[in-house]
Protein backbone atom coordinates (compact mmCIF):
# COMPACT_ATOMS: atom_id res chain seq x y z
CA MET A 1 178.84 110.70 -85.37
CA GLY A 2 175.88 112.73 -85.80
CA PRO A 3 175.52 115.30 -88.26
CA HIS A 4 177.50 119.07 -86.75
CA ARG A 5 176.31 122.35 -86.47
CA MET A 6 176.41 125.26 -88.27
CA PRO A 7 180.11 127.68 -87.99
CA ALA A 8 180.20 129.31 -85.17
CA ALA A 9 180.03 132.95 -85.62
CA GLU A 10 183.52 134.66 -85.12
CA VAL A 11 182.00 138.05 -84.69
CA ASP A 12 178.34 139.09 -83.28
CA VAL A 13 176.02 141.11 -86.25
CA SER A 14 173.89 142.95 -84.83
CA PRO A 15 171.64 145.61 -85.81
CA GLY A 16 173.02 147.87 -83.64
CA LEU A 17 176.57 147.26 -85.18
CA VAL A 18 174.87 147.89 -88.90
CA ARG A 19 173.99 151.13 -87.82
CA ARG A 20 176.98 152.25 -86.47
CA LEU A 21 179.09 150.76 -89.52
CA LEU A 22 176.41 152.83 -91.62
CA ALA A 23 176.47 156.46 -89.25
CA ALA A 24 180.14 155.53 -89.74
CA GLN A 25 180.80 155.14 -93.83
CA GLN A 26 177.11 155.53 -95.40
CA PRO A 27 175.13 158.21 -93.37
CA ASP A 28 172.88 158.93 -95.70
CA LEU A 29 171.89 155.34 -94.87
CA ALA A 30 171.91 155.35 -91.21
CA HIS A 31 168.24 156.85 -90.19
CA LEU A 32 166.59 154.04 -92.28
CA PRO A 33 165.24 151.10 -90.18
CA ILE A 34 167.42 148.18 -89.72
CA GLU A 35 166.10 144.04 -88.97
CA VAL A 36 168.01 140.98 -89.59
CA MET A 37 167.10 139.15 -92.44
CA ALA A 38 169.12 135.97 -92.53
CA ASN A 39 171.81 134.20 -90.52
CA GLY A 40 173.76 131.96 -92.73
CA TRP A 41 177.18 129.84 -92.48
CA ASP A 42 179.25 132.77 -93.55
CA ASN A 43 176.97 136.07 -93.61
CA VAL A 44 174.24 137.88 -91.52
CA MET A 45 171.71 139.81 -93.57
CA CYS A 46 169.99 142.72 -92.53
CA ARG A 47 167.45 144.62 -94.29
CA VAL A 48 168.28 148.34 -94.18
CA GLY A 49 165.09 150.31 -95.56
CA ASP A 50 162.71 149.36 -98.25
CA VAL A 51 165.19 148.96 -101.27
CA LEU A 52 168.77 147.51 -100.18
CA VAL A 53 170.77 144.84 -97.82
CA ALA A 54 173.93 145.16 -95.90
CA ARG A 55 175.54 141.70 -95.80
CA LEU A 56 178.33 141.03 -92.88
CA PRO A 57 180.76 138.46 -92.62
CA ARG A 58 180.47 136.50 -89.65
CA ARG A 59 183.56 134.72 -90.12
CA GLU A 60 187.16 135.00 -91.82
CA VAL A 61 186.97 133.18 -93.87
CA ALA A 62 183.81 134.53 -95.53
CA ALA A 63 185.16 138.05 -95.82
CA ARG A 64 187.34 136.86 -98.66
CA LEU A 65 184.86 135.16 -100.53
CA LEU A 66 182.72 138.54 -100.19
CA VAL A 67 185.49 140.58 -101.70
CA HIS A 68 185.36 138.07 -104.81
CA GLU A 69 181.18 139.21 -104.46
CA GLN A 70 182.33 142.97 -104.84
CA ARG A 71 185.13 142.25 -107.71
CA TRP A 72 183.60 140.58 -109.64
CA LEU A 73 179.66 140.50 -109.45
CA PRO A 74 178.99 144.08 -111.16
CA VAL A 75 181.05 142.79 -113.99
CA LEU A 76 178.92 139.84 -114.71
CA GLU A 77 175.41 140.73 -113.74
CA PRO A 78 175.07 142.97 -117.22
CA ARG A 79 174.66 139.70 -118.83
CA LEU A 80 173.07 137.76 -116.58
CA PRO A 81 168.75 137.08 -117.52
CA LEU A 82 167.68 137.05 -113.94
CA PRO A 83 168.39 139.77 -111.02
CA VAL A 84 171.78 139.10 -108.59
CA PRO A 85 172.75 141.15 -105.80
CA ALA A 86 175.83 142.55 -107.24
CA PRO A 87 177.33 145.16 -104.56
CA VAL A 88 176.02 148.76 -105.00
CA ARG A 89 178.25 149.99 -101.96
CA ASP A 90 181.38 148.42 -100.16
CA GLY A 91 181.88 149.12 -96.24
CA GLN A 92 185.31 149.28 -94.91
CA PRO A 93 186.79 147.74 -91.19
CA ASP A 94 185.96 150.04 -88.60
CA LEU A 95 184.25 150.31 -84.98
CA GLY A 96 185.86 146.89 -84.27
CA TYR A 97 184.33 144.67 -86.73
CA PRO A 98 187.25 143.56 -88.66
CA TRP A 99 186.36 142.85 -92.31
CA PRO A 100 184.93 144.37 -95.85
CA TRP A 101 181.06 144.72 -95.66
CA SER A 102 178.86 145.07 -98.49
CA ILE A 103 175.50 147.18 -99.10
CA VAL A 104 173.60 145.19 -102.07
CA PRO A 105 170.08 145.41 -103.21
CA PHE A 106 166.81 144.34 -101.84
CA LEU A 107 165.84 141.68 -104.45
CA PRO A 108 161.46 139.84 -103.65
CA GLY A 109 160.51 136.42 -103.49
CA GLN A 110 161.34 133.74 -101.23
CA VAL A 111 163.89 131.22 -101.62
CA ALA A 112 162.75 128.49 -103.94
CA ALA A 113 163.31 125.85 -101.01
CA ARG A 114 160.73 127.07 -99.08
CA LYS A 115 158.41 128.60 -101.99
CA PRO A 116 159.19 126.10 -104.58
CA PRO A 117 158.24 127.73 -108.05
CA ALA A 118 154.44 127.37 -109.47
CA ASP A 119 155.48 125.91 -113.03
CA LEU A 120 158.88 123.20 -112.44
CA ARG A 121 159.08 123.32 -115.99
CA ASP A 122 159.17 127.27 -116.79
CA ALA A 123 161.62 126.79 -114.11
CA ALA A 124 164.11 124.19 -115.65
CA VAL A 125 164.37 126.62 -118.54
CA SER A 126 165.06 129.79 -116.41
CA LEU A 127 167.38 128.18 -114.51
CA ALA A 128 168.86 127.15 -117.48
CA ARG A 129 168.82 130.00 -119.17
CA PHE A 130 170.57 131.78 -116.24
CA LEU A 131 173.32 129.27 -116.08
CA GLY A 132 174.01 129.33 -120.04
CA ALA A 133 174.50 132.92 -119.69
CA LEU A 134 176.96 132.62 -116.45
CA HIS A 135 178.65 129.84 -118.05
CA THR A 136 181.22 131.54 -120.60
CA PRO A 137 185.23 131.40 -119.92
CA ALA A 138 186.09 132.92 -116.70
CA ALA A 139 188.44 136.33 -116.59
CA PRO A 140 192.01 135.25 -116.25
CA ASP A 141 192.45 136.47 -112.72
CA ALA A 142 188.89 134.93 -111.24
CA PRO A 143 188.95 133.44 -108.09
CA VAL A 144 189.90 129.78 -107.65
CA ASN A 145 187.84 127.69 -105.20
CA PRO A 146 189.38 124.50 -104.38
CA HIS A 147 186.04 123.05 -103.31
CA ARG A 148 183.71 123.82 -106.24
CA GLY A 149 184.45 124.00 -109.75
CA VAL A 150 186.81 121.01 -109.27
CA PRO A 151 187.39 117.35 -110.98
CA LEU A 152 185.00 115.23 -109.18
CA ALA A 153 187.66 112.90 -108.13
CA ASP A 154 189.75 115.77 -106.08
CA ARG A 155 186.29 115.39 -103.77
CA ARG A 156 186.21 111.48 -102.79
CA ALA A 157 188.16 112.57 -99.15
CA THR A 158 185.15 115.17 -98.48
CA VAL A 159 182.98 112.77 -99.71
CA THR A 160 184.05 110.06 -97.35
CA GLN A 161 184.80 112.54 -94.81
CA ASN A 162 180.67 113.26 -95.00
CA LEU A 163 179.54 109.58 -95.36
CA SER A 164 181.33 108.42 -91.87
CA VAL A 165 179.94 111.38 -90.01
CA LEU A 166 176.28 110.64 -90.88
CA GLY A 167 177.03 107.09 -90.39
CA ARG A 168 173.34 105.11 -91.19
CA LEU A 169 171.64 107.69 -92.17
CA VAL A 170 172.52 107.48 -95.90
CA ASP A 171 172.57 104.43 -97.88
CA ARG A 172 176.24 104.13 -97.89
CA ARG A 173 176.49 101.65 -100.72
CA ALA A 174 174.05 103.20 -103.07
CA VAL A 175 175.66 106.58 -102.46
CA MET A 176 179.55 104.89 -103.31
CA ARG A 177 177.60 103.27 -105.96
CA VAL A 178 176.91 106.50 -108.12
CA TRP A 179 180.03 108.46 -106.57
CA GLU A 180 182.40 106.13 -108.21
CA ALA A 181 180.47 105.70 -111.42
CA ALA A 182 180.03 109.84 -111.74
CA ALA A 183 184.04 110.24 -109.79
CA ALA A 184 185.32 107.92 -112.90
CA VAL A 185 184.30 109.81 -116.27
CA PRO A 186 186.55 112.34 -118.14
CA THR A 187 186.55 115.86 -116.25
CA TRP A 188 185.93 119.22 -117.94
CA GLY A 189 188.28 119.83 -120.71
CA GLY A 190 186.82 123.37 -121.67
CA PRO A 191 188.39 126.70 -120.50
CA PRO A 192 187.44 127.35 -116.99
CA SER A 193 183.65 128.65 -116.59
CA TRP A 194 182.62 131.02 -114.48
CA VAL A 195 180.76 128.94 -112.03
CA HIS A 196 178.36 130.00 -109.39
CA GLY A 197 179.62 127.23 -106.56
CA ASP A 198 176.71 126.77 -104.23
CA LEU A 199 173.53 126.92 -106.77
CA HIS A 200 171.11 125.05 -104.24
CA PRO A 201 167.02 126.19 -103.26
CA ALA A 202 168.06 128.51 -100.69
CA ASN A 203 170.13 130.60 -103.79
CA ILE A 204 167.13 130.59 -105.73
CA LEU A 205 164.72 133.50 -104.86
CA VAL A 206 161.03 133.28 -106.60
CA HIS A 207 158.52 135.71 -106.65
CA ARG A 208 154.58 135.65 -107.91
CA GLY A 209 155.49 132.06 -109.28
CA ARG A 210 158.32 132.61 -110.80
CA ILE A 211 162.18 132.55 -110.56
CA SER A 212 163.43 135.91 -109.59
CA GLY A 213 166.97 136.27 -108.84
CA VAL A 214 169.77 134.17 -107.34
CA ILE A 215 171.80 135.05 -104.53
CA ASP A 216 174.80 134.14 -102.36
CA PHE A 217 177.97 134.12 -104.56
CA GLY A 218 180.57 133.79 -101.78
CA ASP A 219 181.44 130.66 -103.79
CA ILE A 220 182.02 132.07 -107.55
CA THR A 221 185.04 130.77 -108.71
CA SER A 222 186.32 129.40 -111.93
CA GLY A 223 186.06 125.83 -113.09
CA ASP A 224 183.76 122.82 -114.30
CA PRO A 225 179.84 124.29 -114.76
CA ALA A 226 178.68 120.56 -113.78
CA THR A 227 179.19 121.85 -110.28
CA ASP A 228 176.19 124.24 -110.91
CA LEU A 229 174.07 121.95 -112.89
CA SER A 230 173.80 120.15 -110.16
CA GLY A 231 171.03 122.00 -109.06
CA ALA A 232 168.77 120.20 -111.95
CA TRP A 233 168.88 117.60 -109.04
CA MET A 234 168.16 119.73 -106.23
CA LEU A 235 165.65 121.84 -107.31
CA LEU A 236 163.75 120.13 -109.95
CA PRO A 237 162.02 116.41 -110.53
CA THR A 238 162.80 114.08 -113.11
CA GLU A 239 160.33 114.91 -115.17
CA CYS A 240 161.72 118.48 -115.82
CA HIS A 241 165.99 117.45 -116.49
CA ASP A 242 165.18 117.20 -120.10
CA ALA A 243 163.44 120.59 -120.92
CA PHE A 244 166.11 121.99 -118.57
CA GLN A 245 169.19 120.06 -120.27
CA ASN A 246 168.07 121.28 -123.66
CA ALA A 247 167.28 125.06 -122.30
CA TYR A 248 171.07 124.70 -121.23
CA ARG A 249 172.46 123.50 -124.36
CA ALA A 250 170.30 126.45 -126.56
CA ALA A 251 172.08 128.91 -123.67
CA ALA A 252 175.20 127.84 -123.50
CA GLU A 253 178.13 129.50 -125.63
CA TYR A 254 179.81 125.98 -125.21
CA VAL A 255 178.53 122.43 -126.53
CA PRO A 256 178.20 120.35 -123.37
CA ASP A 257 180.45 117.30 -123.31
CA ASP A 258 178.76 113.76 -122.77
CA HIS A 259 179.88 113.67 -119.15
CA ILE A 260 178.67 116.73 -118.28
CA TRP A 261 175.49 115.63 -116.51
CA SER A 262 176.84 112.53 -114.71
CA ARG A 263 179.16 115.00 -113.45
CA ALA A 264 176.43 116.83 -112.32
CA ARG A 265 174.65 114.13 -110.73
CA GLY A 266 177.96 113.29 -109.01
CA TRP A 267 178.38 116.89 -107.54
CA ALA A 268 174.63 116.36 -106.59
CA LEU A 269 175.48 113.86 -104.34
CA ALA A 270 178.74 115.11 -103.07
CA LEU A 271 177.04 118.27 -101.89
CA SER A 272 174.51 116.65 -100.70
CA LEU A 273 176.51 114.94 -98.13
CA ALA A 274 178.19 117.96 -96.74
CA PHE A 275 174.61 119.38 -96.24
CA LEU A 276 173.21 116.74 -94.29
CA ALA A 277 176.61 116.10 -92.45
CA HIS A 278 176.58 120.22 -92.05
CA SER A 279 173.40 121.22 -91.21
CA ALA A 280 172.32 119.70 -87.09
CA ASP A 281 171.21 123.37 -86.27
CA ASN A 282 169.34 124.14 -90.23
CA PRO A 283 166.31 122.11 -90.55
CA LEU A 284 165.75 124.26 -94.40
CA ILE A 285 169.73 123.01 -95.34
CA ALA A 286 168.58 119.54 -94.32
CA LYS A 287 165.78 119.31 -95.86
CA ILE A 288 167.95 120.48 -99.36
CA GLY A 289 170.17 117.49 -98.62
CA HIS A 290 167.29 115.31 -98.09
CA HIS A 291 165.78 115.71 -101.08
CA THR A 292 168.78 115.88 -103.51
CA ILE A 293 169.83 112.51 -101.88
CA ASN A 294 167.12 111.06 -102.67
CA ALA A 295 166.79 112.39 -106.23
CA VAL A 296 170.28 111.59 -107.32
CA LEU A 297 169.86 107.66 -105.55
CA ALA A 298 166.31 107.23 -107.42
């Protein structure tokens, strides 16, 4: 069958549309230069002047996720040790554009998938401290994402489906051996934690050689923090995993259970299969998927 293309846009988001929305709702920004920065699975990002970015959903499902960012990132931002794009202004449906949208700060840097940190051991500690600060008990009304933060075994059907899409592109026997071992360990027994939900190297910024920010909180949810700890296999070489785990234990408010790293490895595997199965037209995500599955199976 082969990998799928990324989901098609349901609305055409152009610099012209962004300018019209700004003129109608944020007129003090409408004179600034506007250029498209990124066109992803869920959102279009347009630079607005030097210090701001407009973030507009390109699919209806993403509009619901953007509202979670608007509600919760301003709450979480003050306690996080790395910059995050907490919205500074909220936009409303208008001029034929059907969904909420946001103005967020521009965070300098390039994504780690294109420009890895210069010192990966330093990056391991920085990322672990960020996650230790984020992974606190979630609010009772925190979002619940049916695909992230859930018991790992709940991903079984999706793992099987993605394997069928990939066919001989991956070693099915090796994948299933790692998957079954990870899915069999005890589930998260602590209170639901805040979880970024999509912590891969295209959502980690690097500036001047160091991790400088974490972006794209659309999948923010409550649940098992092992989901985010999968980022170790996506970004870091094996020799940096001890530094990552030690820094995380020191920073976290809770004591990680004995099985959290096994679940994290399982999440890395499940996410790598999802990346590979849906990246026919996205070489950056395909690169992350290949790197991650190789790291997990090694």
